[in-house]
């Protein structure tokens, strides 16, 4: 909040912190909790609002948390716009508040818009009137995200002479058909433990990757990654366990979930160690990897491979 060098410096530090915390795969409310403490340490006289959201296109949900921010607007596939129920806490830097996360369906054909108060706040009107106007404009704004942004800005009367800062983010989960749909796939296998779990997982991963027509090299790397992640879960996790493979137009993502919330760490295995190399192998062959806790007390360990442009 506010303007000038001081406010800009705090904003820059918070932006860097958000990027770092995002890499930890933390739930939105935990990210806000960390940011809240950091904001107070940076400058106790400065506060900032923040909304942090994570979209899982496979699950079709948007999980979010808000620190003093305006409500997210969500438009369903039928064009109906609603405000996401806000588990809203005070702005960052105030301290003493336990943030919580909420979620809202955001499946194929749905869109969402996140925005700052500069878009909807006017000196001569109540801010709820501005949000109502944004809802009405969003209901009829179609096209790609950049086009929707332009239409919303015009509808709200935002011009180059506007006297407040404006930020707006439009998120779309498109319905995919035809050739485009061929680039997006999902497959999952429930694992029940036992000696047959690992070979079942390898066979499943091999069959799925073959059906997705990956190159022999990427097929073999994907099967190896799935095998190592499943082995790690079998050794250190608890049921229920699940192997999931996802393909987008840019990435192959392999994920294993289980009921234990202990997050794995990459470590250097000694020559005499019989275990401890699985995560290191995955980290070496994949473009990136990570882990996160899941609702209900479990965890997900994942890796991804960048697909060649073609």
Foldseek 3Di string as FASTA:
>chain_A
DDDDDVQVVLVVVLVVLLVVVVQQVEAALVSLQVQLVVSQVVPLVDWAKDKDWDDDAVVQKIKIAIACFDFKWKAALVLQIDTDDYQYHHTRNPDDDRTDMDMDGHYANMKIKGKGLLLQDDPVDDSVVSVVQLNVQLSPQDDDFVSSVVSSSVSSPNDPPRPDDMDMGMDHRHDDDDPQVLQKDKDKDWADADPVRLVVQLVVLLVVVVVNPDDPVVSVLRSLLSSLVVVVCNVPFADGKMWMWIGHNWKIKIKMKGQAQDFDDQDDDDPPDPDRCSVVSLCVSFPHWHKYADPPHIMMTMTMHTDDDD
